[in-house]
PDB file of all heavy atoms in Angstrom:
ATOM      1  N   ALA A   1     306.254  66.592 159.850  1.00  0.00           N
ATOM      2  CA  ALA A   1     306.420  66.271 158.440  1.00  0.00           C
ATOM      3  C   ALA A   1     306.627  64.763 158.207  1.00  0.00           C
ATOM      4  O   ALA A   1     306.008  64.166 157.302  1.00  0.00           O
ATOM      5  CB  ALA A   1     307.568  67.075 157.804  1.00  0.00           C
ATOM      6  N   PRO A   2     307.453  64.038 158.984  1.00  0.00           N
ATOM      7  CA  PRO A   2     307.607  62.620 158.754  1.00  0.00           C
ATOM      8  C   PRO A   2     306.282  61.843 158.962  1.00  0.00           C
ATOM      9  O   PRO A   2     305.967  60.967 158.138  1.00  0.00           O
ATOM     10  CB  PRO A   2     308.682  62.184 159.802  1.00  0.00           C
ATOM     11  CG  PRO A   2     309.449  63.428 160.069  1.00  0.00           C
ATOM     12  CD  PRO A   2     308.446  64.559 160.003  1.00  0.00           C
ATOM     13  N   ALA A   3     305.556  62.126 160.030  1.00  0.00           N
ATOM     14  CA  ALA A   3     304.301  61.408 160.297  1.00  0.00           C
ATOM     15  C   ALA A   3     303.251  61.741 159.183  1.00  0.00           C
ATOM     16  O   ALA A   3     302.586  60.841 158.698  1.00  0.00           O
ATOM     17  CB  ALA A   3     303.730  61.774 161.647  1.00  0.00           C
ATOM     18  N   THR A   4     303.161  63.007 158.790  1.00  0.00           N
ATOM     19  CA  THR A   4     302.195  63.374 157.739  1.00  0.00           C
ATOM     20  C   THR A   4     302.638  62.734 156.447  1.00  0.00           C
ATOM     21  O   THR A   4     301.784  62.255 155.651  1.00  0.00           O
ATOM     22  CB  THR A   4     302.106  64.901 157.643  1.00  0.00           C
ATOM     23  OG1 THR A   4     301.674  65.440 158.906  1.00  0.00           O
ATOM     24  CG2 THR A   4     301.142  65.326 156.548  1.00  0.00           C
ATOM     25  N   GLY A   5     303.912  62.706 156.140  1.00  0.00           N
ATOM     26  CA  GLY A   5     304.429  62.048 154.932  1.00  0.00           C
ATOM     27  C   GLY A   5     304.039  60.570 154.911  1.00  0.00           C
ATOM     28  O   GLY A   5     303.627  60.051 153.871  1.00  0.00           O
ATOM     29  N   ARG A   6     304.194  59.921 156.027  1.00  0.00           N
ATOM     30  CA  ARG A   6     303.799  58.487 156.117  1.00  0.00           C
ATOM     31  C   ARG A   6     302.297  58.300 155.843  1.00  0.00           C
ATOM     32  O   ARG A   6     301.892  57.377 155.156  1.00  0.00           O
ATOM     33  CB  ARG A   6     304.183  57.883 157.469  1.00  0.00           C
ATOM     34  CG  ARG A   6     305.654  57.511 157.583  1.00  0.00           C
ATOM     35  CD  ARG A   6     305.933  56.723 158.848  1.00  0.00           C
ATOM     36  NE  ARG A   6     305.589  57.383 160.079  1.00  0.00           N
ATOM     37  CZ  ARG A   6     306.319  58.319 160.675  1.00  0.00           C
ATOM     38  NH1 ARG A   6     307.491  58.664 160.159  1.00  0.00           N
ATOM     39  NH2 ARG A   6     305.923  58.860 161.814  1.00  0.00           N
ATOM     40  N   TRP A   7     301.511  59.212 156.390  1.00  0.00           N
ATOM     41  CA  TRP A   7     300.045  59.133 156.177  1.00  0.00           C
ATOM     42  C   TRP A   7     299.741  59.195 154.686  1.00  0.00           C
ATOM     43  O   TRP A   7     298.965  58.419 154.174  1.00  0.00           O
ATOM     44  CB  TRP A   7     299.317  60.261 156.949  1.00  0.00           C
ATOM     45  CG  TRP A   7     297.846  60.122 156.906  1.00  0.00           C
ATOM     46  CD1 TRP A   7     297.041  59.505 157.816  1.00  0.00           C
ATOM     47  CD2 TRP A   7     296.942  60.569 155.856  1.00  0.00           C
ATOM     48  NE1 TRP A   7     295.730  59.549 157.439  1.00  0.00           N
ATOM     49  CE2 TRP A   7     295.634  60.210 156.255  1.00  0.00           C
ATOM     50  CE3 TRP A   7     297.113  61.258 154.665  1.00  0.00           C
ATOM     51  CZ2 TRP A   7     294.524  60.474 155.460  1.00  0.00           C
ATOM     52  CZ3 TRP A   7     296.015  61.547 153.895  1.00  0.00           C
ATOM     53  CH2 TRP A   7     294.730  61.167 154.286  1.00  0.00           C
ATOM     54  N   TYR A   8     300.335  60.136 153.975  1.00  0.00           N
ATOM     55  CA  TYR A   8     300.112  60.264 152.525  1.00  0.00           C
ATOM     56  C   TYR A   8     300.632  59.082 151.733  1.00  0.00           C
ATOM     57  O   TYR A   8     300.080  58.702 150.738  1.00  0.00           O
ATOM     58  CB  TYR A   8     300.687  61.584 151.989  1.00  0.00           C
ATOM     59  CG  TYR A   8     299.750  62.760 152.200  1.00  0.00           C
ATOM     60  CD1 TYR A   8     299.772  63.514 153.392  1.00  0.00           C
ATOM     61  CD2 TYR A   8     298.785  63.098 151.254  1.00  0.00           C
ATOM     62  CE1 TYR A   8     298.934  64.577 153.572  1.00  0.00           C
ATOM     63  CE2 TYR A   8     297.930  64.147 151.462  1.00  0.00           C
ATOM     64  CZ  TYR A   8     298.002  64.883 152.610  1.00  0.00           C
ATOM     65  OH  TYR A   8     297.113  65.904 152.808  1.00  0.00           O
ATOM     66  N   GLN A   9     301.700  58.481 152.229  1.00  0.00           N
ATOM     67  CA  GLN A   9     302.255  57.280 151.563  1.00  0.00           C
ATOM     68  C   GLN A   9     301.331  56.078 151.768  1.00  0.00           C
ATOM     69  O   GLN A   9     300.967  55.398 150.843  1.00  0.00           O
ATOM     70  CB  GLN A   9     303.649  56.964 152.109  1.00  0.00           C
ATOM     71  CG  GLN A   9     304.712  57.965 151.662  1.00  0.00           C
ATOM     72  CD  GLN A   9     306.021  57.716 152.363  1.00  0.00           C
ATOM     73  OE1 GLN A   9     306.726  56.786 152.011  1.00  0.00           O
ATOM     74  NE2 GLN A   9     306.339  58.546 153.339  1.00  0.00           N
ATOM     75  N   GLU A  10     300.923  55.881 153.000  1.00  0.00           N
ATOM     76  CA  GLU A  10     300.123  54.688 153.332  1.00  0.00           C
ATOM     77  C   GLU A  10     298.669  54.770 152.820  1.00  0.00           C
ATOM     78  O   GLU A  10     298.082  53.766 152.427  1.00  0.00           O
ATOM     79  CB  GLU A  10     300.071  54.520 154.863  1.00  0.00           C
ATOM     80  CG  GLU A  10     301.403  54.141 155.424  1.00  0.00           C
ATOM     81  CD  GLU A  10     301.480  54.279 156.955  1.00  0.00           C
ATOM     82  OE1 GLU A  10     300.455  54.566 157.583  1.00  0.00           O
ATOM     83  OE2 GLU A  10     302.579  54.061 157.522  1.00  0.00           O
ATOM     84  N   ASN A  11     298.107  55.976 152.811  1.00  0.00           N
ATOM     85  CA  ASN A  11     296.695  56.101 152.451  1.00  0.00           C
ATOM     86  C   ASN A  11     296.443  56.581 151.040  1.00  0.00           C
ATOM     87  O   ASN A  11     295.385  56.245 150.474  1.00  0.00           O
ATOM     88  CB  ASN A  11     295.982  57.020 153.465  1.00  0.00           C
ATOM     89  CG  ASN A  11     295.958  56.441 154.824  1.00  0.00           C
ATOM     90  OD1 ASN A  11     295.302  55.406 155.026  1.00  0.00           O
ATOM     91  ND2 ASN A  11     296.670  57.008 155.763  1.00  0.00           N
ATOM     92  N   LEU A  12     297.327  57.335 150.454  1.00  0.00           N
ATOM     93  CA  LEU A  12     297.098  57.859 149.101  1.00  0.00           C
ATOM     94  C   LEU A  12     298.115  57.396 148.097  1.00  0.00           C
ATOM     95  O   LEU A  12     298.039  57.704 146.903  1.00  0.00           O
ATOM     96  CB  LEU A  12     297.011  59.392 149.082  1.00  0.00           C
ATOM     97  CG  LEU A  12     295.934  59.983 149.939  1.00  0.00           C
ATOM     98  CD1 LEU A  12     295.868  61.534 149.794  1.00  0.00           C
ATOM     99  CD2 LEU A  12     294.574  59.376 149.685  1.00  0.00           C
ATOM    100  N   GLY A  13     299.110  56.640 148.544  1.00  0.00           N
ATOM    101  CA  GLY A  13     300.066  56.054 147.600  1.00  0.00           C
ATOM    102  C   GLY A  13     301.185  56.935 147.126  1.00  0.00           C
ATOM    103  O   GLY A  13     301.919  56.578 146.189  1.00  0.00           O
ATOM    104  N   PHE A  14     301.383  58.109 147.758  1.00  0.00           N
ATOM    105  CA  PHE A  14     302.554  58.930 147.436  1.00  0.00           C
ATOM    106  C   PHE A  14     303.835  58.196 147.843  1.00  0.00           C
ATOM    107  O   PHE A  14     303.786  57.324 148.706  1.00  0.00           O
ATOM    108  CB  PHE A  14     302.464  60.273 148.163  1.00  0.00           C
ATOM    109  CG  PHE A  14     301.589  61.294 147.533  1.00  0.00           C
ATOM    110  CD1 PHE A  14     300.225  61.281 147.774  1.00  0.00           C
ATOM    111  CD2 PHE A  14     302.111  62.290 146.716  1.00  0.00           C
ATOM    112  CE1 PHE A  14     299.396  62.240 147.183  1.00  0.00           C
ATOM    113  CE2 PHE A  14     301.314  63.233 146.118  1.00  0.00           C
ATOM    114  CZ  PHE A  14     299.937  63.210 146.354  1.00  0.00           C
ATOM    115  N   ARG A  15     304.941  58.547 147.186  1.00  0.00           N
ATOM    116  CA  ARG A  15     306.232  57.926 147.588  1.00  0.00           C
ATOM    117  C   ARG A  15     307.154  59.072 147.985  1.00  0.00           C
ATOM    118  O   ARG A  15     307.082  60.184 147.473  1.00  0.00           O
ATOM    119  CB  ARG A  15     306.822  57.095 146.470  1.00  0.00           C
ATOM    120  CG  ARG A  15     307.270  57.848 145.276  1.00  0.00           C
ATOM    121  CD  ARG A  15     307.972  56.936 144.261  1.00  0.00           C
ATOM    122  NE  ARG A  15     308.231  57.661 143.039  1.00  0.00           N
ATOM    123  CZ  ARG A  15     309.186  58.550 142.875  1.00  0.00           C
ATOM    124  NH1 ARG A  15     310.013  58.865 143.846  1.00  0.00           N
ATOM    125  NH2 ARG A  15     309.347  59.172 141.695  1.00  0.00           N
ATOM    126  N   LEU A  16     307.962  58.797 148.986  1.00  0.00           N
ATOM    127  CA  LEU A  16     308.907  59.784 149.507  1.00  0.00           C
ATOM    128  C   LEU A  16     310.043  59.958 148.496  1.00  0.00           C
ATOM    129  O   LEU A  16     310.657  58.996 148.044  1.00  0.00           O
ATOM    130  CB  LEU A  16     309.484  59.331 150.851  1.00  0.00           C
ATOM    131  CG  LEU A  16     310.411  60.323 151.528  1.00  0.00           C
ATOM    132  CD1 LEU A  16     309.685  61.606 151.896  1.00  0.00           C
ATOM    133  CD2 LEU A  16     311.021  59.673 152.766  1.00  0.00           C
ATOM    134  N   VAL A  17     310.304  61.177 148.105  1.00  0.00           N
ATOM    135  CA  VAL A  17     311.378  61.536 147.162  1.00  0.00           C
ATOM    136  C   VAL A  17     312.584  61.987 147.961  1.00  0.00           C
ATOM    137  O   VAL A  17     313.718  61.553 147.738  1.00  0.00           O
ATOM    138  CB  VAL A  17     310.932  62.611 146.155  1.00  0.00           C
ATOM    139  CG1 VAL A  17     312.103  63.082 145.318  1.00  0.00           C
ATOM    140  CG2 VAL A  17     309.784  62.116 145.304  1.00  0.00           C
ATOM    141  N   LYS A  18     312.331  62.861 148.939  1.00  0.00           N
ATOM    142  CA  LYS A  18     313.432  63.438 149.720  1.00  0.00           C
ATOM    143  C   LYS A  18     312.867  63.950 151.044  1.00  0.00           C
ATOM    144  O   LYS A  18     311.753  64.439 151.099  1.00  0.00           O
ATOM    145  CB  LYS A  18     314.090  64.570 148.922  1.00  0.00           C
ATOM    146  CG  LYS A  18     315.364  65.094 149.533  1.00  0.00           C
ATOM    147  CD  LYS A  18     316.021  66.114 148.589  1.00  0.00           C
ATOM    148  CE  LYS A  18     317.341  66.586 149.181  1.00  0.00           C
ATOM    149  NZ  LYS A  18     317.975  67.549 148.304  1.00  0.00           N
ATOM    150  N   GLU A  19     313.695  63.867 152.068  1.00  0.00           N
ATOM    151  CA  GLU A  19     313.300  64.329 153.365  1.00  0.00           C
ATOM    152  C   GLU A  19     314.530  64.897 154.050  1.00  0.00           C
ATOM    153  O   GLU A  19     315.640  64.401 153.844  1.00  0.00           O
ATOM    154  CB  GLU A  19     312.725  63.183 154.155  1.00  0.00           C
ATOM    155  CG  GLU A  19     312.150  63.504 155.519  1.00  0.00           C
ATOM    156  CD  GLU A  19     311.521  62.294 156.189  1.00  0.00           C
ATOM    157  OE1 GLU A  19     312.079  61.183 156.080  1.00  0.00           O
ATOM    158  OE2 GLU A  19     310.481  62.485 156.800  1.00  0.00           O
ATOM    159  N   GLY A  20     314.388  65.955 154.849  1.00  0.00           N
ATOM    160  CA  GLY A  20     315.546  66.473 155.568  1.00  0.00           C
ATOM    161  C   GLY A  20     315.281  67.766 156.266  1.00  0.00           C
ATOM    162  O   GLY A  20     314.169  68.229 156.384  1.00  0.00           O
ATOM    163  N   GLN A  21     316.378  68.405 156.696  1.00  0.00           N
ATOM    164  CA  GLN A  21     316.358  69.663 157.375  1.00  0.00           C
ATOM    165  C   GLN A  21     316.734  70.773 156.423  1.00  0.00           C
ATOM    166  O   GLN A  21     317.514  70.575 155.492  1.00  0.00           O
ATOM    167  CB  GLN A  21     317.373  69.659 158.502  1.00  0.00           C
ATOM    168  CG  GLN A  21     317.129  68.641 159.603  1.00  0.00           C
ATOM    169  CD  GLN A  21     315.946  69.026 160.487  1.00  0.00           C
ATOM    170  OE1 GLN A  21     315.023  68.260 160.586  1.00  0.00           O
ATOM    171  NE2 GLN A  21     315.964  70.210 161.091  1.00  0.00           N
ATOM    172  N   MET A  22     316.205  71.964 156.704  1.00  0.00           N
ATOM    173  CA  MET A  22     316.631  73.125 155.911  1.00  0.00           C
ATOM    174  C   MET A  22     316.464  74.352 156.760  1.00  0.00           C
ATOM    175  O   MET A  22     315.540  74.442 157.597  1.00  0.00           O
ATOM    176  CB  MET A  22     315.831  73.260 154.610  1.00  0.00           C
ATOM    177  CG  MET A  22     314.338  73.368 154.790  1.00  0.00           C
ATOM    178  SD  MET A  22     313.498  73.281 153.190  1.00  0.00           S
ATOM    179  CE  MET A  22     312.481  74.748 153.310  1.00  0.00           C
ATOM    180  N   GLY A  23     317.335  75.291 156.593  1.00  0.00           N
ATOM    181  CA  GLY A  23     317.221  76.566 157.274  1.00  0.00           C
ATOM    182  C   GLY A  23     317.156  76.447 158.781  1.00  0.00           C
ATOM    183  O   GLY A  23     317.813  75.601 159.372  1.00  0.00           O
ATOM    184  N   LYS A  24     316.400  77.353 159.386  1.00  0.00           N
ATOM    185  CA  LYS A  24     316.342  77.470 160.809  1.00  0.00           C
ATOM    186  C   LYS A  24     315.375  76.480 161.469  1.00  0.00           C
ATOM    187  O   LYS A  24     314.270  76.804 161.863  1.00  0.00           O
ATOM    188  CB  LYS A  24     315.905  78.880 161.200  1.00  0.00           C
ATOM    189  CG  LYS A  24     316.848  79.957 160.684  1.00  0.00           C
ATOM    190  CD  LYS A  24     316.330  81.334 160.989  1.00  0.00           C
ATOM    191  CE  LYS A  24     317.317  82.355 160.466  1.00  0.00           C
ATOM    192  NZ  LYS A  24     316.886  83.725 160.684  1.00  0.00           N
ATOM    193  N   GLY A  25     315.832  75.226 161.535  1.00  0.00           N
ATOM    194  CA  GLY A  25     314.993  74.208 162.203  1.00  0.00           C
ATOM    195  C   GLY A  25     313.829  73.688 161.408  1.00  0.00           C
ATOM    196  O   GLY A  25     312.980  72.971 161.921  1.00  0.00           O
ATOM    197  N   LEU A  26     313.741  74.041 160.111  1.00  0.00           N
ATOM    198  CA  LEU A  26     312.665  73.560 159.268  1.00  0.00           C
ATOM    199  C   LEU A  26     312.953  72.130 158.846  1.00  0.00           C
ATOM    200  O   LEU A  26     314.072  71.788 158.467  1.00  0.00           O
ATOM    201  CB  LEU A  26     312.502  74.432 158.037  1.00  0.00           C
ATOM    202  CG  LEU A  26     312.077  75.894 158.246  1.00  0.00           C
ATOM    203  CD1 LEU A  26     312.007  76.615 156.913  1.00  0.00           C
ATOM    204  CD2 LEU A  26     310.764  75.995 158.985  1.00  0.00           C
ATOM    205  N   HIS A  27     311.930  71.278 158.915  1.00  0.00           N
ATOM    206  CA  HIS A  27     312.027  69.905 158.423  1.00  0.00           C
ATOM    207  C   HIS A  27     311.126  69.840 157.202  1.00  0.00           C
ATOM    208  O   HIS A  27     310.067  70.476 157.175  1.00  0.00           O
ATOM    209  CB  HIS A  27     311.601  68.919 159.480  1.00  0.00           C
ATOM    210  CG  HIS A  27     311.856  67.497 159.090  1.00  0.00           C
ATOM    211  ND1 HIS A  27     313.048  66.877 159.343  1.00  0.00           N
ATOM    212  CD2 HIS A  27     311.098  66.579 158.489  1.00  0.00           C
ATOM    213  CE1 HIS A  27     313.008  65.661 158.888  1.00  0.00           C
ATOM    214  NE2 HIS A  27     311.801  65.433 158.352  1.00  0.00           N
ATOM    215  N   PHE A  28     311.535  69.104 156.158  1.00  0.00           N
ATOM    216  CA  PHE A  28     310.673  68.990 154.996  1.00  0.00           C
ATOM    217  C   PHE A  28     310.583  67.573 154.525  1.00  0.00           C
ATOM    218  O   PHE A  28     311.441  66.723 154.854  1.00  0.00           O
ATOM    219  CB  PHE A  28     311.209  69.880 153.832  1.00  0.00           C
ATOM    220  CG  PHE A  28     312.420  69.332 153.166  1.00  0.00           C
ATOM    221  CD1 PHE A  28     312.313  68.485 152.036  1.00  0.00           C
ATOM    222  CD2 PHE A  28     313.680  69.561 153.662  1.00  0.00           C
ATOM    223  CE1 PHE A  28     313.419  67.979 151.430  1.00  0.00           C
ATOM    224  CE2 PHE A  28     314.819  69.019 153.060  1.00  0.00           C
ATOM    225  CZ  PHE A  28     314.671  68.214 151.917  1.00  0.00           C
ATOM    226  N   ALA A  29     309.562  67.291 153.791  1.00  0.00           N
ATOM    227  CA  ALA A  29     309.379  66.002 153.123  1.00  0.00           C
ATOM    228  C   ALA A  29     308.801  66.327 151.740  1.00  0.00           C
ATOM    229  O   ALA A  29     307.857  67.109 151.627  1.00  0.00           O
ATOM    230  CB  ALA A  29     308.461  65.074 153.916  1.00  0.00           C
ATOM    231  N   LEU A  30     309.410  65.764 150.703  1.00  0.00           N
ATOM    232  CA  LEU A  30     308.939  65.929 149.326  1.00  0.00           C
ATOM    233  C   LEU A  30     308.450  64.561 148.844  1.00  0.00           C
ATOM    234  O   LEU A  30     309.211  63.571 148.851  1.00  0.00           O
ATOM    235  CB  LEU A  30     310.085  66.454 148.472  1.00  0.00           C
ATOM    236  CG  LEU A  30     309.764  66.846 147.049  1.00  0.00           C
ATOM    237  CD1 LEU A  30     308.766  68.036 147.048  1.00  0.00           C
ATOM    238  CD2 LEU A  30     311.019  67.277 146.316  1.00  0.00           C
ATOM    239  N   LEU A  31     307.178  64.509 148.448  1.00  0.00           N
ATOM    240  CA  LEU A  31     306.586  63.257 148.007  1.00  0.00           C
ATOM    241  C   LEU A  31     306.029  63.420 146.616  1.00  0.00           C
ATOM    242  O   LEU A  31     305.786  64.560 146.162  1.00  0.00           O
ATOM    243  CB  LEU A  31     305.446  62.869 148.980  1.00  0.00           C
ATOM    244  CG  LEU A  31     305.869  62.596 150.393  1.00  0.00           C
ATOM    245  CD1 LEU A  31     305.583  63.770 151.247  1.00  0.00           C
ATOM    246  CD2 LEU A  31     305.161  61.363 150.910  1.00  0.00           C
ATOM    247  N   ARG A  32     305.832  62.293 145.947  1.00  0.00           N
ATOM    248  CA  ARG A  32     305.297  62.374 144.566  1.00  0.00           C
ATOM    249  C   ARG A  32     304.414  61.182 144.282  1.00  0.00           C
ATOM    250  O   ARG A  32     304.628  60.065 144.805  1.00  0.00           O
ATOM    251  CB  ARG A  32     306.503  62.333 143.613  1.00  0.00           C
ATOM    252  CG  ARG A  32     306.111  62.516 142.180  1.00  0.00           C
ATOM    253  CD  ARG A  32     307.299  62.665 141.300  1.00  0.00           C
ATOM    254  NE  ARG A  32     306.871  63.004 139.958  1.00  0.00           N
ATOM    255  CZ  ARG A  32     307.592  63.480 139.040  1.00  0.00           C
ATOM    256  NH1 ARG A  32     308.857  63.694 139.269  1.00  0.00           N
ATOM    257  NH2 ARG A  32     307.119  63.726 137.856  1.00  0.00           N
TER     258      ARG A  32
END
């Protein structure tokens, strides 16, 4: 998720809103 989030930020201009852990080892990134 962090690497894919960076790709969308660098190439398509999304910005990171929130990133973190949730539940059973799930990692998330929310971009806009």
